[in-house]
Each structure stands twice: as structure tokens, then as C-alpha cells.
C-alpha atoms as a PDB file:
ATOM      1  CA  UNK A   1       5.565  -4.962 -17.337  1.00  0.00           C
ATOM      2  CA  UNK A   2       7.696  -7.957 -18.332  1.00  0.00           C
ATOM      3  CA  UNK A   3      10.377  -6.943 -15.839  1.00  0.00           C
ATOM      4  CA  UNK A   4       7.927  -6.793 -12.934  1.00  0.00           C
ATOM      5  CA  UNK A   5       8.592  -9.663 -10.526  1.00  0.00           C
ATOM      6  CA  UNK A   6       5.730 -10.860  -8.316  1.00  0.00           C
ATOM      7  CA  UNK A   7       6.188 -13.059  -5.252  1.00  0.00           C
ATOM      8  CA  UNK A   8       2.961 -15.010  -4.725  1.00  0.00           C
ATOM      9  CA  UNK A   9       2.464 -16.963  -1.473  1.00  0.00           C
ATOM     10  CA  UNK A  10      -0.621 -19.220  -1.561  1.00  0.00           C
ATOM     11  CA  UNK A  11      -1.065 -22.729  -0.146  1.00  0.00           C
ATOM     12  CA  UNK A  12      -4.043 -23.752  -2.311  1.00  0.00           C
ATOM     13  CA  UNK A  13      -2.504 -25.536  -5.303  1.00  0.00           C
ATOM     14  CA  UNK A  14      -5.361 -24.736  -7.691  1.00  0.00           C
ATOM     15  CA  UNK A  15      -5.500 -21.039  -6.825  1.00  0.00           C
ATOM     16  CA  UNK A  16      -1.713 -20.721  -6.857  1.00  0.00           C
ATOM     17  CA  UNK A  17      -1.264 -22.346 -10.271  1.00  0.00           C
ATOM     18  CA  UNK A  18      -4.240 -20.624 -11.923  1.00  0.00           C
ATOM     19  CA  UNK A  19      -3.256 -17.195 -10.597  1.00  0.00           C
ATOM     20  CA  UNK A  20       0.362 -17.667 -11.611  1.00  0.00           C
ATOM     21  CA  UNK A  21      -0.688 -18.522 -15.165  1.00  0.00           C
ATOM     22  CA  UNK A  22      -3.040 -15.525 -15.308  1.00  0.00           C
ATOM     23  CA  UNK A  23      -0.342 -13.134 -14.098  1.00  0.00           C
ATOM     24  CA  UNK A  24       2.229 -14.549 -16.485  1.00  0.00           C
ATOM     25  CA  UNK A  25      -0.186 -14.079 -19.375  1.00  0.00           C
ATOM     26  CA  UNK A  26      -0.299 -10.414 -18.428  1.00  0.00           C
ATOM     27  CA  UNK A  27       3.469 -10.191 -18.631  1.00  0.00           C
ATOM     28  CA  UNK A  28       4.495 -10.559 -14.995  1.00  0.00           C
ATOM     29  CA  UNK A  29       7.365 -12.730 -13.841  1.00  0.00           C
ATOM     30  CA  UNK A  30       5.962 -14.829 -10.979  1.00  0.00           C
ATOM     31  CA  UNK A  31       7.558 -16.817  -8.185  1.00  0.00           C
ATOM     32  CA  UNK A  32       4.785 -18.836  -6.529  1.00  0.00           C
ATOM     33  CA  UNK A  33       5.352 -20.715  -3.266  1.00  0.00           C
ATOM     34  CA  UNK A  34       3.006 -22.618  -0.903  1.00  0.00           C
ATOM     35  CA  UNK A  35       4.134 -21.434   2.558  1.00  0.00           C
ATOM     36  CA  UNK A  36       5.328 -18.389   4.417  1.00  0.00           C
ATOM     37  CA  UNK A  37       8.824 -19.541   5.353  1.00  0.00           C
ATOM     38  CA  UNK A  38       9.645 -20.335   1.738  1.00  0.00           C
ATOM     39  CA  UNK A  39       8.074 -17.020   0.807  1.00  0.00           C
ATOM     40  CA  UNK A  40      10.427 -15.170   3.174  1.00  0.00           C
ATOM     41  CA  UNK A  41      13.433 -17.023   1.724  1.00  0.00           C
ATOM     42  CA  UNK A  42      12.364 -16.178  -1.831  1.00  0.00           C
ATOM     43  CA  UNK A  43      11.709 -12.569  -0.908  1.00  0.00           C
ATOM     44  CA  UNK A  44      15.208 -12.173   0.481  1.00  0.00           C
ATOM     45  CA  UNK A  45      16.830 -14.020  -2.406  1.00  0.00           C
ATOM     46  CA  UNK A  46      14.871 -12.554  -5.330  1.00  0.00           C
ATOM     47  CA  UNK A  47      13.953  -9.031  -4.146  1.00  0.00           C
ATOM     48  CA  UNK A  48      10.590  -8.988  -6.006  1.00  0.00           C
ATOM     49  CA  UNK A  49       8.808  -5.798  -7.067  1.00  0.00           C
ATOM     50  CA  UNK A  50       5.597  -6.730  -5.237  1.00  0.00           C
ATOM     51  CA  UNK A  51       4.381  -9.466  -2.876  1.00  0.00           C
ATOM     52  CA  UNK A  52       0.936 -11.114  -2.900  1.00  0.00           C
ATOM     53  CA  UNK A  53       0.383 -12.868   0.409  1.00  0.00           C
ATOM     54  CA  UNK A  54      -2.519 -15.096   1.353  1.00  0.00           C
ATOM     55  CA  UNK A  55      -3.439 -14.548   4.995  1.00  0.00           C
ATOM     56  CA  UNK A  56      -3.754 -18.244   5.862  1.00  0.00           C
ATOM     57  CA  UNK A  57      -0.600 -20.048   4.780  1.00  0.00           C
ATOM     58  CA  UNK A  58       1.372 -22.647   6.771  1.00  0.00           C
ATOM     59  CA  UNK A  59       4.747 -22.197   8.411  1.00  0.00           C
ATOM     60  CA  UNK A  60       4.576 -18.424   8.685  1.00  0.00           C
ATOM     61  CA  UNK A  61       1.146 -16.882   8.175  1.00  0.00           C
ATOM     62  CA  UNK A  62       0.652 -14.040   5.731  1.00  0.00           C
ATOM     63  CA  UNK A  63       0.295 -11.330   8.380  1.00  0.00           C
ATOM     64  CA  UNK A  64       3.521 -12.371  10.116  1.00  0.00           C
ATOM     65  CA  UNK A  65       5.276 -12.623   6.753  1.00  0.00           C
ATOM     66  CA  UNK A  66       4.095  -9.109   5.896  1.00  0.00           C
ATOM     67  CA  UNK A  67       5.602  -7.809   9.145  1.00  0.00           C
ATOM     68  CA  UNK A  68       8.907  -9.513   8.381  1.00  0.00           C
ATOM     69  CA  UNK A  69       8.959  -8.029   4.888  1.00  0.00           C
ATOM     70  CA  UNK A  70       8.067  -4.577   6.185  1.00  0.00           C
ATOM     71  CA  UNK A  71      10.907  -4.768   8.730  1.00  0.00           C
ATOM     72  CA  UNK A  72      13.334  -5.158   5.830  1.00  0.00           C
ATOM     73  CA  UNK A  73      11.768  -3.354   2.876  1.00  0.00           C
ATOM     74  CA  UNK A  74       9.159  -0.898   1.609  1.00  0.00           C
ATOM     75  CA  UNK A  75       8.273  -3.195  -1.318  1.00  0.00           C
ATOM     76  CA  UNK A  76       4.499  -3.082  -1.946  1.00  0.00           C
ATOM     77  CA  UNK A  77       2.414  -5.842  -0.351  1.00  0.00           C
ATOM     78  CA  UNK A  78      -1.129  -6.926  -1.216  1.00  0.00           C
ATOM     79  CA  UNK A  79      -2.883  -9.302   1.173  1.00  0.00           C
ATOM     80  CA  UNK A  80      -5.339 -11.927  -0.066  1.00  0.00           C
ATOM     81  CA  UNK A  81      -8.165 -12.798   2.313  1.00  0.00           C
ATOM     82  CA  UNK A  82     -11.081 -15.212   1.994  1.00  0.00           C
ATOM     83  CA  UNK A  83     -13.378 -12.921   3.985  1.00  0.00           C
ATOM     84  CA  UNK A  84     -13.905  -9.200   3.408  1.00  0.00           C
ATOM     85  CA  UNK A  85     -15.177  -8.772   6.989  1.00  0.00           C
ATOM     86  CA  UNK A  86     -12.333 -10.730   8.552  1.00  0.00           C
ATOM     87  CA  UNK A  87     -10.177  -9.204  11.255  1.00  0.00           C
ATOM     88  CA  UNK A  88      -7.304 -10.611   9.207  1.00  0.00           C
ATOM     89  CA  UNK A  89      -7.823  -7.795   6.704  1.00  0.00           C
ATOM     90  CA  UNK A  90      -7.218  -5.140   9.347  1.00  0.00           C
ATOM     91  CA  UNK A  91      -4.340  -7.109  10.865  1.00  0.00           C
ATOM     92  CA  UNK A  92      -2.715  -7.340   7.452  1.00  0.00           C
ATOM     93  CA  UNK A  93      -3.035  -3.605   6.856  1.00  0.00           C
ATOM     94  CA  UNK A  94      -1.721  -2.856  10.337  1.00  0.00           C
ATOM     95  CA  UNK A  95       1.229  -5.151   9.617  1.00  0.00           C
ATOM     96  CA  UNK A  96       2.181  -2.897   6.727  1.00  0.00           C
ATOM     97  CA  UNK A  97       0.223  -4.167   3.715  1.00  0.00           C
ATOM     98  CA  UNK A  98      -0.668  -1.516   1.150  1.00  0.00           C
ATOM     99  CA  UNK A  99      -3.913  -3.071  -0.064  1.00  0.00           C
ATOM    100  CA  UNK A 100      -5.919  -6.285   0.025  1.00  0.00           C
ATOM    101  CA  UNK A 101      -8.044  -8.339  -2.341  1.00  0.00           C
ATOM    102  CA  UNK A 102     -10.860 -10.641  -1.249  1.00  0.00           C
ATOM    103  CA  UNK A 103     -11.015 -14.233  -2.492  1.00  0.00           C
ATOM    104  CA  UNK A 104     -12.428 -15.503  -4.732  1.00  0.00           C
ATOM    105  CA  UNK A 105     -11.145 -12.774  -7.022  1.00  0.00           C
ATOM    106  CA  UNK A 106     -11.393 -12.094 -10.720  1.00  0.00           C
ATOM    107  CA  UNK A 107      -8.010 -12.233 -12.439  1.00  0.00           C
ATOM    108  CA  UNK A 108      -8.568  -8.931 -14.208  1.00  0.00           C
ATOM    109  CA  UNK A 109      -9.418  -7.225 -10.918  1.00  0.00           C
ATOM    110  CA  UNK A 110      -6.273  -8.597  -9.279  1.00  0.00           C
ATOM    111  CA  UNK A 111      -4.115  -7.398 -12.180  1.00  0.00           C
ATOM    112  CA  UNK A 112      -5.740  -3.945 -11.999  1.00  0.00           C
ATOM    113  CA  UNK A 113      -5.024  -3.702  -8.276  1.00  0.00           C
ATOM    114  CA  UNK A 114      -1.429  -4.831  -8.772  1.00  0.00           C
ATOM    115  CA  UNK A 115      -0.890  -2.223 -11.479  1.00  0.00           C
ATOM    116  CA  UNK A 116      -2.479   0.480  -9.338  1.00  0.00           C
ATOM    117  CA  UNK A 117      -0.143  -0.312  -6.441  1.00  0.00           C
ATOM    118  CA  UNK A 118       2.888  -0.454  -8.732  1.00  0.00           C
ATOM    119  CA  UNK A 119       2.006   2.938 -10.244  1.00  0.00           C
ATOM    120  CA  UNK A 120       2.001   4.423  -6.759  1.00  0.00           C
ATOM    121  CA  UNK A 121       5.420   2.940  -6.106  1.00  0.00           C
ATOM    122  CA  UNK A 122       6.835   4.047  -9.449  1.00  0.00           C
ATOM    123  CA  UNK A 123       7.485   0.491 -10.713  1.00  0.00           C
ATOM    124  CA  UNK A 124       4.960   0.534 -13.521  1.00  0.00           C
ATOM    125  CA  UNK A 125       2.503   2.660 -15.416  1.00  0.00           C
ATOM    126  CA  UNK A 126      -0.812   1.949 -16.976  1.00  0.00           C
ATOM    127  CA  UNK A 127      -4.106   3.427 -18.106  1.00  0.00           C
ATOM    128  CA  UNK A 128      -6.836   4.594 -15.795  1.00  0.00           C
ATOM    129  CA  UNK A 129      -6.894   6.026 -12.304  1.00  0.00           C
ATOM    130  CA  UNK A 130      -6.865   9.601 -11.164  1.00  0.00           C
ATOM    131  CA  UNK A 131      -3.823  11.778 -10.645  1.00  0.00           C
ATOM    132  CA  UNK A 132      -2.535  12.215  -7.128  1.00  0.00           C
ATOM    133  CA  UNK A 133      -0.619  14.965  -5.400  1.00  0.00           C
ATOM    134  CA  UNK A 134       2.618  13.069  -6.028  1.00  0.00           C
ATOM    135  CA  UNK A 135       1.968  13.142  -9.803  1.00  0.00           C
ATOM    136  CA  UNK A 136       1.112  16.801 -10.103  1.00  0.00           C
ATOM    137  CA  UNK A 137       3.416  19.821 -10.211  1.00  0.00           C
ATOM    138  CA  UNK A 138       5.499  20.214  -7.053  1.00  0.00           C
ATOM    139  CA  UNK A 139       3.864  22.183  -4.266  1.00  0.00           C
ATOM    140  CA  UNK A 140       5.027  25.768  -3.972  1.00  0.00           C
ATOM    141  CA  UNK A 141       8.160  25.578  -1.886  1.00  0.00           C
ATOM    142  CA  UNK A 142      10.085  22.351  -1.583  1.00  0.00           C
ATOM    143  CA  UNK A 143       9.786  22.027   2.199  1.00  0.00           C
ATOM    144  CA  UNK A 144       6.431  22.485   3.914  1.00  0.00           C
ATOM    145  CA  UNK A 145       6.339  22.996   7.676  1.00  0.00           C
ATOM    146  CA  UNK A 146       3.533  22.017  10.021  1.00  0.00           C
ATOM    147  CA  UNK A 147       4.648  22.637  13.577  1.00  0.00           C
ATOM    148  CA  UNK A 148       7.661  20.380  14.162  1.00  0.00           C
ATOM    149  CA  UNK A 149       6.838  18.383  11.010  1.00  0.00           C
ATOM    150  CA  UNK A 150       8.725  19.114   7.770  1.00  0.00           C
ATOM    151  CA  UNK A 151       7.678  17.596   4.442  1.00  0.00           C
ATOM    152  CA  UNK A 152      10.148  17.862   1.565  1.00  0.00           C
ATOM    153  CA  UNK A 153       7.881  17.476  -1.463  1.00  0.00           C
ATOM    154  CA  UNK A 154      10.744  17.232  -3.937  1.00  0.00           C
ATOM    155  CA  UNK A 155      13.208  15.106  -1.988  1.00  0.00           C
ATOM    156  CA  UNK A 156      10.333  12.953  -0.664  1.00  0.00           C
ATOM    157  CA  UNK A 157      11.672  13.162   2.867  1.00  0.00           C
ATOM    158  CA  UNK A 158       9.914  13.810   6.154  1.00  0.00           C
ATOM    159  CA  UNK A 159      11.409  15.095   9.397  1.00  0.00           C
ATOM    160  CA  UNK A 160       9.809  15.462  12.798  1.00  0.00           C
ATOM    161  CA  UNK A 161      11.650  17.547  15.343  1.00  0.00           C
ATOM    162  CA  UNK A 162      14.650  17.512  13.017  1.00  0.00           C
ATOM    163  CA  UNK A 163      14.763  13.711  12.869  1.00  0.00           C
ATOM    164  CA  UNK A 164      14.090  11.734   9.705  1.00  0.00           C
ATOM    165  CA  UNK A 165      10.825   9.782   9.597  1.00  0.00           C
ATOM    166  CA  UNK A 166      10.734   6.583   7.532  1.00  0.00           C
ATOM    167  CA  UNK A 167       7.491   6.286   5.555  1.00  0.00           C
ATOM    168  CA  UNK A 168       6.390   3.664   3.075  1.00  0.00           C
ATOM    169  CA  UNK A 169       5.558   5.024  -0.402  1.00  0.00           C
ATOM    170  CA  UNK A 170       1.831   4.711   0.336  1.00  0.00           C
ATOM    171  CA  UNK A 171       2.200   6.612   3.613  1.00  0.00           C
ATOM    172  CA  UNK A 172       4.233   9.269   1.812  1.00  0.00           C
ATOM    173  CA  UNK A 173       1.591   9.730  -0.865  1.00  0.00           C
ATOM    174  CA  UNK A 174      -1.091   9.963   1.824  1.00  0.00           C
ATOM    175  CA  UNK A 175       0.902  12.650   3.636  1.00  0.00           C
ATOM    176  CA  UNK A 176       1.427  14.540   0.358  1.00  0.00           C
ATOM    177  CA  UNK A 177      -2.340  14.646  -0.173  1.00  0.00           C
ATOM    178  CA  UNK A 178      -2.830  16.130   3.295  1.00  0.00           C
ATOM    179  CA  UNK A 179       0.116  18.531   2.854  1.00  0.00           C
ATOM    180  CA  UNK A 180      -1.324  19.845  -0.415  1.00  0.00           C
ATOM    181  CA  UNK A 181      -4.439  21.038   1.422  1.00  0.00           C
ATOM    182  CA  UNK A 182      -3.716  21.643   5.124  1.00  0.00           C
ATOM    183  CA  UNK A 183      -6.828  22.386   7.126  1.00  0.00           C
ATOM    184  CA  UNK A 184      -9.064  20.977   4.386  1.00  0.00           C
ATOM    185  CA  UNK A 185     -11.176  17.930   5.187  1.00  0.00           C
ATOM    186  CA  UNK A 186     -10.400  15.084   2.803  1.00  0.00           C
ATOM    187  CA  UNK A 187     -13.014  12.352   2.561  1.00  0.00           C
ATOM    188  CA  UNK A 188     -12.082   8.687   2.647  1.00  0.00           C
ATOM    189  CA  UNK A 189     -13.470   8.249  -0.864  1.00  0.00           C
ATOM    190  CA  UNK A 190     -11.281  11.049  -2.180  1.00  0.00           C
ATOM    191  CA  UNK A 191      -8.213   9.551  -0.516  1.00  0.00           C
ATOM    192  CA  UNK A 192      -9.024   6.128  -1.972  1.00  0.00           C
ATOM    193  CA  UNK A 193      -9.192   7.662  -5.420  1.00  0.00           C
ATOM    194  CA  UNK A 194      -6.129   9.881  -5.110  1.00  0.00           C
ATOM    195  CA  UNK A 195      -3.755   7.687  -3.111  1.00  0.00           C
ATOM    196  CA  UNK A 196      -4.923   4.157  -3.910  1.00  0.00           C
ATOM    197  CA  UNK A 197      -5.914   4.917  -7.515  1.00  0.00           C
ATOM    198  CA  UNK A 198      -9.388   3.465  -7.032  1.00  0.00           C
ATOM    199  CA  UNK A 199     -11.685   4.580  -9.818  1.00  0.00           C
ATOM    200  CA  UNK A 200     -14.396   2.568  -8.137  1.00  0.00           C
ATOM    201  CA  UNK A 201     -15.674   2.122  -4.601  1.00  0.00           C
ATOM    202  CA  UNK A 202     -13.182   0.647  -2.158  1.00  0.00           C
ATOM    203  CA  UNK A 203     -12.985  -0.414   1.456  1.00  0.00           C
ATOM    204  CA  UNK A 204     -12.388   2.672   3.580  1.00  0.00           C
ATOM    205  CA  UNK A 205     -10.669   0.531   6.214  1.00  0.00           C
ATOM    206  CA  UNK A 206      -7.598   0.796   3.976  1.00  0.00           C
ATOM    207  CA  UNK A 207      -7.627   4.559   4.525  1.00  0.00           C
ATOM    208  CA  UNK A 208      -8.359   4.376   8.252  1.00  0.00           C
ATOM    209  CA  UNK A 209      -5.545   1.945   9.009  1.00  0.00           C
ATOM    210  CA  UNK A 210      -3.015   3.898   6.945  1.00  0.00           C
ATOM    211  CA  UNK A 211      -4.008   7.132   8.684  1.00  0.00           C
ATOM    212  CA  UNK A 212      -3.431   5.419  12.030  1.00  0.00           C
ATOM    213  CA  UNK A 213      -0.024   4.175  10.872  1.00  0.00           C
ATOM    214  CA  UNK A 214       0.877   7.653   9.625  1.00  0.00           C
ATOM    215  CA  UNK A 215      -0.227   9.231  12.902  1.00  0.00           C
ATOM    216  CA  UNK A 216       2.045   6.841  14.767  1.00  0.00           C
ATOM    217  CA  UNK A 217       5.003   8.232  12.823  1.00  0.00           C
ATOM    218  CA  UNK A 218       4.258  11.970  12.560  1.00  0.00           C
ATOM    219  CA  UNK A 219       2.235  12.507  15.731  1.00  0.00           C
ATOM    220  CA  UNK A 220      -1.210  11.399  16.836  1.00  0.00           C
ATOM    221  CA  UNK A 221      -2.606  14.941  16.914  1.00  0.00           C
ATOM    222  CA  UNK A 222      -1.217  16.021  13.516  1.00  0.00           C
ATOM    223  CA  UNK A 223      -4.096  14.467  11.537  1.00  0.00           C
ATOM    224  CA  UNK A 224      -7.545  15.278  12.889  1.00  0.00           C
ATOM    225  CA  UNK A 225     -10.601  13.068  12.416  1.00  0.00           C
ATOM    226  CA  UNK A 226     -13.670  15.023  11.327  1.00  0.00           C
ATOM    227  CA  UNK A 227     -16.436  12.628  12.259  1.00  0.00           C
ATOM    228  CA  UNK A 228     -18.738  11.768   9.390  1.00  0.00           C
ATOM    229  CA  UNK A 229     -16.563  13.534   6.797  1.00  0.00           C
ATOM    230  CA  UNK A 230     -12.951  12.384   6.815  1.00  0.00           C
ATOM    231  CA  UNK A 231      -9.559  13.701   7.944  1.00  0.00           C
ATOM    232  CA  UNK A 232      -7.569  16.914   7.806  1.00  0.00           C
ATOM    233  CA  UNK A 233      -3.985  17.903   8.487  1.00  0.00           C
ATOM    234  CA  UNK A 234      -3.494  20.464  11.218  1.00  0.00           C
ATOM    235  CA  UNK A 235      -1.487  23.415   9.975  1.00  0.00           C
END
């Protein structure tokens, strides 16, 4: 974990300094900055392993910064929001964030969420969390076909109509879960556990927004909503 570099963008001096110390005690290397423009500069210069972005920071707000990062990289992003019911949470996820944490947060919870995200991206490992489709034995046959959609489960590539589709690691893991059980309804809770490594209850908005983002890339009708139950991949 010592080699894991965290970019932390937070304008509150107390929160920024306390969180930086807590993360460093857990072995992370941390670059902490107070505004979004500096955060973008540091991101480009340092190429961190993960970015923690507060929604409300001066210069360039966290949501806009997340979009800029996502335009250039698939590095994992966790948004920090002062309100769990805020529209900023959804905006952050729609901008490309992989997860979010509500302030005030417990340091141990934040570290657990960071490690869970990093495990999904292959940067780090750690105890706890359920296995996902990406961690299990390869699906029978390297390339699965669903209409004009092709999913290469070994090469981790996706093509639609013969053209490559760029997915973030989280979107890829979500698609792998659907591809492993086409036609089977997968609940939001199951997807939270399998894709986001949540061993506890989580906000299902994370799932809903990522499904919408995935639909936008592989086709709106490819993933069907089963009202009251979850989602399924059309075969």
C-alpha cells in the first residue's frame, strides 16, 4: 500500500490536514491541495492511483474536476459530499466518479472504501469483500456475443458493431457481472456487493447511475430494468 498515491482535493484546512495524516498512517502517499485547478495540475503532473474530490472546492468544483480527469484517464475517483441526499452525489457519479463518501466520515470507513475501489482497479489488495465475476475463473469462451455486442472476458475488451467501446474498470466489472448471467435479474444489492465490494448496505444510486452510463455506451436497450427487482442483460 505504500506505493499507492492519493490525490486529495479539499478546501477545508482541518479536514484536509486530518484526513491526510490518517491516510498516511495507513501507508498511503498523499498529495493534498485546497482547490480544483491545483488538483488538476497535480493530477496531470503526478498521475496518482486514486483521486478523492470534495464536491464544493473553489476554482474548479469537484464535479467539473472529475469530468476533466475522466476525459483524460480511467483512474478511480471517489467524491466527497456533505449531504447524502444532495444532487451533487448523482452529478458526481454521472461525471464519472466510481463511488462517493458522505461527510463527516470516519477515517476507517474512508480507508475501507479506498481499498475496495483500488481492489476493483487492480492497484491494491486487502481483506474482506466478496469475489466478483472479474476475480473468478474466466467465463467459458473468451468472447461472449449479445447481438452486436461482443465482450472479451480475457482481453477485457468490448466491441459494439465491430467498434471498440471504452469502459472504465468499474463499468467493465459491471458488464462482466451481467455477461456471466445473461437473462438473469441481478438485484442492486447483489451488484453493490459484487462490483463495488460492499459487504454492508450501500447507496443503490451508485448502481443506477453506472447502469445508465453503461447503457449509453453499449446500447440503451441492452440492459433491461426489471421494476422492483433490478436489472438484466438481454441475450
